[in-house]
Amino acid sequence: MMSSCLGDTNTQITVGEQEAVYQTRPTQGFFVEGGRFLYGTNLGVSGNNGDCFLIQYSFDSAAPELQNSDSLSIELIENPVPVDLWPVDKNWTDTTVVLKDEMLTKAITGRDFYIRGRLFLWSTHTVVENQKDSFMISYNPENLYTQEDGKRIYNLYLRAIARIEVGEGEELPKGQQLNLVNAFSVEEFYNMVSALEEEKGSNTFSIAINYASAFNKDTTACIWDRTEPIEYKINSRTE
């Protein structure tokens, strides 16, 4: 979300909590949604090429480079917040079983971005203080897509694990619902799907995220929900 910033001119804009992928070479900076590259003199980021962050920054909306290039000079407002990056599980995760310490996903928000091979997802969970979370995303190589209204919808499956340490005789602390952001290294999967669709003469492909949203009555199986499909242009594949 953008809003006017109290600066020396009326052209200064501040941007809060934007998903970004860090680049170390040849120029240090961040790629953000839409492919724009952000650089500056005060980045001071400790990270590796391809690491994921949430960043807050300001820029001059009158800068000529906004019209003439895909780069933009910025000033960071706060230290970038690291976002955990998880690989794609190439081994199909069995959706018919409940995983040990499985954490349900209440919802996946409409805020998701694919940047430089990283898929940023915001998901809602009931979280207990000091729990240790891990996330996985997988696909079924034998059944990559479902056919819906004449379109092929390629499916990814999100699962979450929460390990909570409780002392003997102690009750599990009460949790609260929070939105968590994670990033997933999906470039190989997206490029595979893109190539399949390109062979079929399509210039787009659609991805849906399936997630375990509830347990059945006896907690022996997960009940699955799914996001609306997200359409991507094939020519937007990362190299």
Protein backbone atom coordinates (compact mmCIF):
# COMPACT_ATOMS: atom_id res chain seq x y z
CA MET A 1 0.00 0.00 0.00
CA MET A 2 1.35 3.45 -0.90
CA SER A 3 0.80 6.71 0.92
CA SER A 4 2.35 10.16 1.02
CA CYS A 5 5.43 10.44 3.18
CA LEU A 6 6.44 13.45 5.27
CA GLY A 7 9.57 14.45 3.38
CA ASP A 8 11.21 17.50 1.84
CA THR A 9 8.99 17.37 -1.25
CA ASN A 10 5.53 16.28 -2.20
CA THR A 11 6.96 13.70 -4.57
CA GLN A 12 8.35 11.41 -1.86
CA ILE A 13 6.40 8.13 -1.56
CA THR A 14 6.72 5.42 1.07
CA VAL A 15 5.93 1.74 0.50
CA GLY A 16 5.37 -0.67 3.38
CA GLU A 17 5.86 -4.42 3.71
CA GLN A 18 6.52 -5.38 0.12
CA GLU A 19 7.69 -8.86 -0.88
CA ALA A 20 11.16 -8.84 -2.44
CA VAL A 21 13.93 -11.16 -3.65
CA TYR A 22 17.50 -10.08 -2.89
CA GLN A 23 20.26 -9.87 -5.52
CA THR A 24 23.93 -9.58 -4.58
CA ARG A 25 25.54 -9.33 -8.04
CA PRO A 26 26.23 -7.54 -10.32
CA THR A 27 24.34 -4.81 -8.44
CA GLN A 28 23.05 -5.20 -4.90
CA GLY A 29 19.32 -4.70 -4.60
CA PHE A 30 15.83 -6.23 -4.59
CA PHE A 31 13.47 -7.50 -7.25
CA VAL A 32 9.80 -6.85 -6.49
CA GLU A 33 6.47 -7.83 -8.07
CA GLY A 34 6.27 -6.74 -11.69
CA GLY A 35 10.01 -7.25 -12.24
CA ARG A 36 11.25 -3.84 -11.08
CA PHE A 37 14.75 -3.78 -9.54
CA LEU A 38 15.29 -1.58 -6.47
CA TYR A 39 18.76 -0.36 -5.52
CA GLY A 40 20.21 2.19 -3.11
CA THR A 41 23.13 3.30 -1.00
CA ASN A 42 21.75 2.28 2.41
CA LEU A 43 20.70 -1.33 1.75
CA GLY A 44 23.18 -2.94 4.17
CA VAL A 45 21.50 -6.34 3.85
CA SER A 46 23.02 -9.50 5.25
CA GLY A 47 21.88 -12.24 2.89
CA ASN A 48 22.59 -14.43 -0.10
CA ASN A 49 21.50 -14.11 -3.69
CA GLY A 50 17.86 -15.24 -3.98
CA ASP A 51 16.98 -14.73 -0.31
CA CYS A 52 13.48 -13.43 0.40
CA PHE A 53 12.47 -10.38 2.46
CA LEU A 54 9.70 -7.96 3.32
CA ILE A 55 10.94 -4.42 2.76
CA GLN A 56 9.78 -0.90 3.53
CA TYR A 57 11.23 1.95 1.50
CA SER A 58 10.74 5.40 0.08
CA PHE A 59 11.40 6.79 -3.39
CA ASP A 60 10.96 9.92 -5.46
CA SER A 61 7.86 9.57 -7.61
CA ALA A 62 9.25 12.25 -9.94
CA ALA A 63 12.39 10.24 -10.70
CA PRO A 64 12.91 10.05 -14.51
CA GLU A 65 13.95 6.38 -14.28
CA LEU A 66 10.37 5.44 -13.36
CA GLN A 67 9.47 6.14 -16.97
CA ASN A 68 12.67 5.07 -18.67
CA SER A 69 13.83 1.86 -16.94
CA ASP A 70 12.87 -1.11 -14.79
CA SER A 71 15.19 0.08 -12.00
CA LEU A 72 14.50 2.50 -9.18
CA SER A 73 16.68 4.15 -6.54
CA ILE A 74 15.23 3.77 -3.02
CA GLU A 75 15.96 4.44 0.63
CA LEU A 76 15.15 1.65 3.07
CA ILE A 77 13.03 2.78 6.02
CA GLU A 78 13.43 -0.27 8.26
CA ASN A 79 15.72 -3.27 8.22
CA PRO A 80 14.41 -5.87 5.75
CA VAL A 81 12.52 -8.72 7.44
CA PRO A 82 13.72 -12.18 6.30
CA VAL A 83 11.06 -14.52 4.87
CA ASP A 84 11.64 -18.27 5.17
CA LEU A 85 12.27 -19.98 1.82
CA TRP A 86 11.14 -23.60 1.38
CA PRO A 87 11.84 -26.00 -1.51
CA VAL A 88 9.23 -27.83 -3.56
CA ASP A 89 8.83 -31.43 -2.40
CA LYS A 90 9.26 -33.50 -5.54
CA ASN A 91 7.92 -36.55 -3.70
CA TRP A 92 4.13 -36.47 -3.72
CA THR A 93 2.81 -35.80 -0.23
CA ASP A 94 0.01 -38.27 0.60
CA THR A 95 -3.07 -36.08 1.18
CA THR A 96 -5.03 -39.03 2.59
CA VAL A 97 -3.03 -39.09 5.84
CA VAL A 98 -2.52 -36.63 8.70
CA LEU A 99 1.12 -35.72 9.21
CA LYS A 100 2.70 -35.71 12.66
CA ASP A 101 2.23 -32.26 14.26
CA GLU A 102 0.21 -31.08 11.26
CA MET A 103 -0.91 -27.43 11.53
CA LEU A 104 -4.09 -26.55 9.69
CA THR A 105 -4.27 -23.64 7.28
CA LYS A 106 -7.40 -21.56 7.91
CA ALA A 107 -7.05 -19.62 4.68
CA ILE A 108 -4.63 -18.44 2.05
CA THR A 109 -5.08 -14.73 1.47
CA GLY A 110 -5.38 -13.23 -1.98
CA ARG A 111 -1.92 -11.74 -1.54
CA ASP A 112 0.52 -13.92 -3.47
CA PHE A 113 3.40 -12.95 -5.72
CA TYR A 114 5.74 -14.86 -8.00
CA ILE A 115 9.10 -13.05 -8.07
CA ARG A 116 12.30 -14.43 -9.61
CA GLY A 117 11.30 -18.05 -9.11
CA ARG A 118 9.93 -17.52 -5.58
CA LEU A 119 6.24 -17.84 -4.73
CA PHE A 120 5.28 -15.70 -1.71
CA LEU A 121 2.20 -16.98 0.13
CA TRP A 122 0.35 -15.42 3.06
CA SER A 123 -1.58 -18.02 5.05
CA THR A 124 -3.67 -17.93 8.23
CA HIS A 125 -2.96 -20.33 11.12
CA THR A 126 -3.67 -20.73 14.81
CA VAL A 127 -0.26 -20.09 16.34
CA VAL A 128 1.09 -20.72 19.85
CA GLU A 129 3.95 -18.63 21.24
CA ASN A 130 7.42 -20.14 20.63
CA GLN A 131 6.18 -22.92 18.37
CA LYS A 132 8.54 -24.03 15.60
CA ASP A 133 6.93 -24.01 12.17
CA SER A 134 7.93 -25.66 8.94
CA PHE A 135 6.15 -25.64 5.61
CA MET A 136 6.16 -27.82 2.53
CA ILE A 137 4.67 -27.49 -0.90
CA SER A 138 4.40 -30.43 -3.29
CA TYR A 139 2.71 -31.70 -6.42
CA ASN A 140 1.54 -35.00 -7.82
CA PRO A 141 3.79 -35.84 -10.82
CA GLU A 142 1.27 -38.43 -12.04
CA ASN A 143 -1.67 -36.02 -11.91
CA LEU A 144 -0.38 -32.52 -12.43
CA TYR A 145 -3.66 -30.83 -13.27
CA THR A 146 -7.43 -31.00 -13.18
CA GLN A 147 -9.57 -30.08 -16.17
CA GLU A 148 -12.08 -27.35 -15.34
CA ASP A 149 -14.26 -25.38 -17.76
CA GLY A 150 -11.94 -26.31 -20.60
CA LYS A 151 -8.84 -25.17 -18.72
CA ARG A 152 -6.02 -27.15 -17.14
CA ILE A 153 -5.51 -26.12 -13.51
CA TYR A 154 -2.15 -27.23 -12.13
CA ASN A 155 -2.25 -28.07 -8.43
CA LEU A 156 0.23 -27.42 -5.65
CA TYR A 157 -0.36 -28.75 -2.11
CA LEU A 158 0.61 -26.71 0.95
CA ARG A 159 1.14 -28.35 4.34
CA ALA A 160 2.41 -26.95 7.63
CA ILE A 161 4.01 -28.54 10.69
CA ALA A 162 4.04 -26.93 14.15
CA ARG A 163 6.16 -28.37 16.95
CA ILE A 164 5.15 -27.15 20.38
CA GLU A 165 7.12 -28.00 23.50
CA VAL A 166 4.88 -28.55 26.54
CA GLY A 167 6.20 -29.68 29.90
CA GLU A 168 4.84 -32.77 31.62
CA GLY A 169 1.46 -32.01 33.17
CA GLU A 170 1.21 -28.64 31.42
CA GLU A 171 -1.73 -27.70 29.25
CA LEU A 172 -1.26 -26.66 25.66
CA PRO A 173 -1.26 -22.84 25.60
CA LYS A 174 -4.08 -21.09 23.80
CA GLY A 175 -3.21 -19.98 20.30
CA GLN A 176 -4.14 -16.95 18.24
CA GLN A 177 -4.83 -16.61 14.54
CA LEU A 178 -2.00 -14.97 12.62
CA ASN A 179 -1.17 -14.38 8.99
CA LEU A 180 2.22 -15.85 8.16
CA VAL A 181 4.27 -15.24 5.04
CA ASN A 182 6.50 -17.86 3.49
CA ALA A 183 8.28 -18.18 0.18
CA PHE A 184 8.68 -21.30 -1.94
CA SER A 185 11.28 -22.06 -4.57
CA VAL A 186 8.89 -23.06 -7.36
CA GLU A 187 10.79 -21.94 -10.45
CA GLU A 188 11.48 -25.47 -11.70
CA PHE A 189 7.82 -26.45 -11.30
CA TYR A 190 6.55 -23.27 -12.96
CA ASN A 191 8.96 -23.64 -15.88
CA MET A 192 7.90 -27.28 -16.33
CA VAL A 193 4.21 -26.31 -16.39
CA SER A 194 4.93 -23.37 -18.67
CA ALA A 195 6.73 -25.62 -21.16
CA LEU A 196 3.84 -28.11 -21.13
CA GLU A 197 1.31 -25.38 -21.85
CA GLU A 198 3.51 -23.78 -24.50
CA GLU A 199 3.66 -27.12 -26.31
CA LYS A 200 -0.16 -27.14 -26.33
CA GLY A 201 -0.24 -23.69 -27.93
CA SER A 202 -1.24 -21.74 -24.81
CA ASN A 203 0.33 -18.44 -23.73
CA THR A 204 -0.83 -18.75 -20.10
CA PHE A 205 -0.99 -21.35 -17.35
CA SER A 206 -3.04 -21.52 -14.14
CA ILE A 207 -1.97 -22.65 -10.67
CA ALA A 208 -4.18 -23.40 -7.64
CA ILE A 209 -2.93 -23.94 -4.07
CA ASN A 210 -4.60 -26.76 -2.13
CA TYR A 211 -4.31 -26.70 1.67
CA ALA A 212 -5.40 -28.79 4.66
CA SER A 213 -8.06 -26.62 6.30
CA ALA A 214 -9.66 -29.03 8.82
CA PHE A 215 -9.59 -32.55 10.24
CA ASN A 216 -12.38 -35.07 9.95
CA LYS A 217 -14.33 -36.05 13.09
CA ASP A 218 -11.87 -38.66 14.30
CA THR A 219 -8.76 -36.75 13.13
CA THR A 220 -7.68 -39.53 10.78
CA ALA A 221 -7.75 -37.43 7.62
CA CYS A 222 -7.48 -33.84 6.47
CA ILE A 223 -10.23 -31.90 4.74
CA TRP A 224 -8.79 -29.97 1.82
CA ASP A 225 -9.67 -26.55 0.48
CA ARG A 226 -8.29 -24.70 -2.53
CA THR A 227 -7.58 -21.18 -3.69
CA GLU A 228 -9.00 -19.74 -6.86
CA PRO A 229 -6.64 -20.48 -9.78
CA ILE A 230 -4.00 -17.84 -10.49
CA GLU A 231 -3.16 -17.22 -14.14
CA TYR A 232 0.40 -16.49 -15.26
CA LYS A 233 1.70 -15.41 -18.64
CA ILE A 234 4.19 -17.83 -20.14
CA ASN A 235 6.47 -15.04 -21.30
CA SER A 236 6.90 -14.00 -17.64
CA ARG A 237 8.96 -17.13 -16.85
CA THR A 238 12.17 -16.40 -15.00
CA GLU A 239 15.40 -17.43 -16.66
